Every structure is written in C-alpha cells, then in structure tokens.
Protein backbone atom coordinates (compact mmCIF):
# COMPACT_ATOMS: atom_id res chain seq x y z
CA MET A 1 0.01 0.06 -0.04
CA LEU A 2 1.09 3.57 -0.65
CA ASP A 3 0.85 4.73 2.92
CA ASN A 4 3.46 7.45 2.56
CA LEU A 5 2.15 9.17 -0.61
CA PRO A 6 3.72 12.67 -1.05
CA ARG A 7 1.43 15.65 -0.23
CA GLY A 8 -0.29 16.68 -3.39
CA THR A 9 -0.38 13.22 -5.04
CA ILE A 10 -3.82 12.33 -6.25
CA CYS A 11 -4.60 8.55 -6.46
CA ILE A 12 -6.63 7.18 -9.29
CA GLU A 13 -9.44 6.46 -6.85
CA ASP A 14 -9.77 10.29 -6.26
CA ILE A 15 -9.20 11.66 -9.76
CA GLU A 16 -12.33 13.12 -11.33
CA MET A 17 -13.21 14.34 -14.83
CA GLY A 18 -12.47 17.99 -15.40
CA MET A 19 -9.79 18.33 -12.55
CA THR A 20 -7.16 20.83 -13.44
CA ARG A 21 -3.76 21.81 -12.17
CA TYR A 22 -1.16 24.19 -13.39
CA VAL A 23 2.36 25.72 -12.97
CA GLN A 24 3.58 29.06 -14.12
CA LYS A 25 7.22 29.91 -14.84
CA VAL A 26 9.19 32.64 -16.40
CA VAL A 27 11.51 31.07 -18.91
CA THR A 28 14.93 32.64 -18.49
CA ASP A 29 18.23 32.75 -20.47
CA SER A 30 19.72 30.48 -17.88
CA ASP A 31 16.85 27.96 -18.35
CA ILE A 32 17.59 27.98 -22.13
CA GLN A 33 21.27 27.57 -21.63
CA LYS A 34 20.89 24.71 -19.05
CA PHE A 35 18.40 22.89 -21.30
CA SER A 36 20.80 23.24 -24.21
CA GLU A 37 23.56 21.76 -22.16
CA VAL A 38 21.39 18.80 -20.85
CA SER A 39 19.71 18.06 -24.05
CA THR A 40 22.74 18.73 -26.25
CA ASP A 41 20.47 20.82 -28.53
CA CYS A 42 22.71 23.81 -29.37
CA ASN A 43 20.57 25.18 -32.25
CA PRO A 44 21.67 28.79 -32.51
CA VAL A 45 18.01 29.84 -32.77
CA HIS A 46 18.03 29.23 -29.02
CA LEU A 47 21.43 30.63 -28.04
CA ASP A 48 22.65 33.27 -30.57
CA ASP A 49 20.82 36.59 -30.75
CA ASP A 50 22.43 37.57 -34.06
CA TYR A 51 21.69 34.25 -35.77
CA ALA A 52 18.01 34.12 -34.39
CA GLN A 53 17.36 37.67 -35.42
CA ASP A 54 17.63 36.47 -39.09
CA THR A 55 15.07 33.57 -38.68
CA ILE A 56 11.38 33.52 -39.08
CA PHE A 57 11.13 34.17 -35.20
CA GLU A 58 13.14 37.39 -35.44
CA GLY A 59 14.77 36.63 -32.11
CA ARG A 60 15.78 33.85 -29.89
CA ILE A 61 13.20 31.20 -28.73
CA ALA A 62 13.16 28.59 -26.01
CA HIS A 63 13.42 24.94 -26.91
CA GLY A 64 9.93 23.45 -27.52
CA MET A 65 10.69 20.60 -25.25
CA LEU A 66 11.59 22.97 -22.41
CA THR A 67 8.11 24.35 -22.64
CA ALA A 68 6.76 20.79 -22.85
CA GLY A 69 8.71 19.96 -19.64
CA LEU A 70 6.40 22.37 -17.75
CA VAL A 71 3.50 20.01 -18.72
CA SER A 72 5.60 17.14 -17.26
CA ALA A 73 6.07 19.22 -14.05
CA VAL A 74 2.37 19.58 -13.59
CA ILE A 75 1.79 15.79 -14.17
CA GLY A 76 4.73 14.70 -12.03
CA GLU A 77 4.12 17.07 -9.12
CA GLN A 78 0.43 17.75 -9.00
CA LEU A 79 -1.96 15.83 -11.21
CA PRO A 80 -1.67 12.91 -10.51
CA GLY A 81 1.72 13.72 -8.84
CA HIS A 82 4.60 11.68 -7.42
CA GLY A 83 4.48 8.00 -8.60
CA THR A 84 2.86 8.92 -11.90
CA ILE A 85 4.25 7.08 -15.01
CA TYR A 86 4.09 8.72 -18.41
CA MET A 87 2.71 6.29 -21.09
CA SER A 88 2.32 8.64 -24.04
CA GLN A 89 2.33 12.46 -24.96
CA SER A 90 1.30 14.25 -28.14
CA LEU A 91 2.38 17.80 -28.65
CA LYS A 92 1.64 20.52 -31.24
CA PHE A 93 3.73 23.69 -31.03
CA LEU A 94 1.65 26.75 -32.01
CA ALA A 95 3.79 29.70 -31.21
CA PRO A 96 7.34 30.46 -29.87
CA VAL A 97 8.22 30.94 -26.22
CA ARG A 98 10.85 33.60 -25.83
CA PRO A 99 13.27 34.40 -22.97
CA GLY A 100 11.34 36.35 -20.32
CA ASP A 101 7.90 34.93 -21.27
CA LEU A 102 5.63 33.77 -18.43
CA VAL A 103 4.44 30.31 -19.39
CA HIS A 104 1.14 28.99 -17.85
CA ALA A 105 1.19 25.20 -18.26
CA GLN A 106 -1.98 23.35 -17.42
CA VAL A 107 -3.48 19.83 -17.58
CA GLU A 108 -7.12 18.80 -17.33
CA VAL A 109 -8.53 15.30 -16.78
CA ILE A 110 -10.43 14.26 -19.97
CA GLY A 111 -10.58 10.49 -19.36
CA ILE A 112 -10.32 7.94 -16.58
CA GLU A 113 -9.85 4.12 -16.67
CA ILE A 114 -9.91 3.29 -13.02
CA ASP A 115 -9.36 -0.47 -13.41
CA LYS A 116 -6.21 0.19 -15.57
CA ARG A 117 -5.11 3.25 -13.48
CA ARG A 118 -4.95 5.26 -16.75
CA VAL A 119 -5.66 8.98 -16.86
CA LYS A 120 -5.94 10.98 -20.09
CA LEU A 121 -5.00 14.55 -19.80
CA ASP A 122 -5.49 17.62 -22.03
CA CYS A 123 -2.36 19.65 -21.98
CA CYS A 124 -1.94 23.32 -22.75
CA CYS A 125 0.61 26.02 -22.37
CA LYS A 126 -0.06 29.71 -22.72
CA VAL A 127 1.79 32.92 -22.84
CA ASP A 128 -0.20 36.11 -22.19
CA GLY A 129 -3.41 34.05 -22.87
CA LYS A 130 -2.24 32.71 -26.18
CA LYS A 131 -1.86 29.05 -26.70
CA VAL A 132 1.80 28.11 -27.47
CA LEU A 133 1.54 24.29 -27.00
CA ILE A 134 -1.32 21.87 -27.04
CA GLY A 135 -1.50 18.08 -26.66
CA GLU A 136 -2.75 15.06 -24.72
CA ALA A 137 -1.00 12.75 -22.26
CA MET A 138 -1.83 9.23 -21.11
CA VAL A 139 -0.44 8.42 -17.64
CA LEU A 140 -0.50 5.60 -15.11
CA ALA A 141 -1.64 7.09 -11.90
CA PRO A 142 -0.70 5.94 -8.43
CA SER A 143 -3.27 3.96 -6.43
CA ARG A 144 -3.89 3.25 -2.81
CA LYS A 145 -4.43 -0.38 -3.79
CA PHE A 146 -1.04 -1.07 -5.39
CA ASP A 147 2.61 -0.69 -4.33
C-alpha cells in the first residue's frame, strides 16, 4: 500500500473528470542555456541573438521541449503527482516561447480508466493568454491499492 504518498499526489481512486492543475514559470536565459547543455541541442535559434534575429522568429526562442517540460512538471508534481508514470504524450507547438515569457502550463483530466489506473489529460501552455503548445497525455496514476 502507498501509505506514505507525497502531499499533493492524487490517487486514481480520487481523480475526477475536469480536474485541473497548473504551474507558471518565467523562462529565463539561464533555463535555455541549461536545457541546451542537458539536451545537447545547441541550435543557434535558442542561443545566438544575431543568428536568431535572421530567422522567421526574429529573435531567440526557447526549446519546444523546455516548454513541454512544464507540462511534465504539472503531471509529475500535482496531477496525478509523485509516482505517476508517463505512457504517451502528443504535442503541437503553436507559437514560440521567448526568454522572459511567463508560461502557464495546465493539464485537465479528460478520461479515466480506474481499473487500468490510466488517466488521459488535455495539456496546454499559454503565454499572455495565447496558446503556444497543446497536446494530450496518457499516464499511469498511483493507487492506494498497489505498491
């Protein structure tokens, strides 16, 4: 039994349709640099002001997967939370995220299979109310009935 579930973890038995959780984070130059180092994605559109100015974005942008990582943070920390296992994730990038942007990443429960411990989540990231990322995730949620 999961007697010592971390605070904030929501077990499959307690998840309801329409539940939402979110995080907000300002994406910094340091975040972009660190993500570049960890991912080994050193595309100059993320790192070089002069290069990026001559692209369709007319300036540097954050890695798309850095933005997607904020969705992962909501799932892994809040809904369902610690003990959650990712099964799949679809993503569509709609607009760039720039250094200094405040990203609002939110997930909403749109499907539940209690017997399989599966939760389907609608995922969305916004900057200034504008969608920059959308997608869906399927996760395996923690349960009070299983270790």
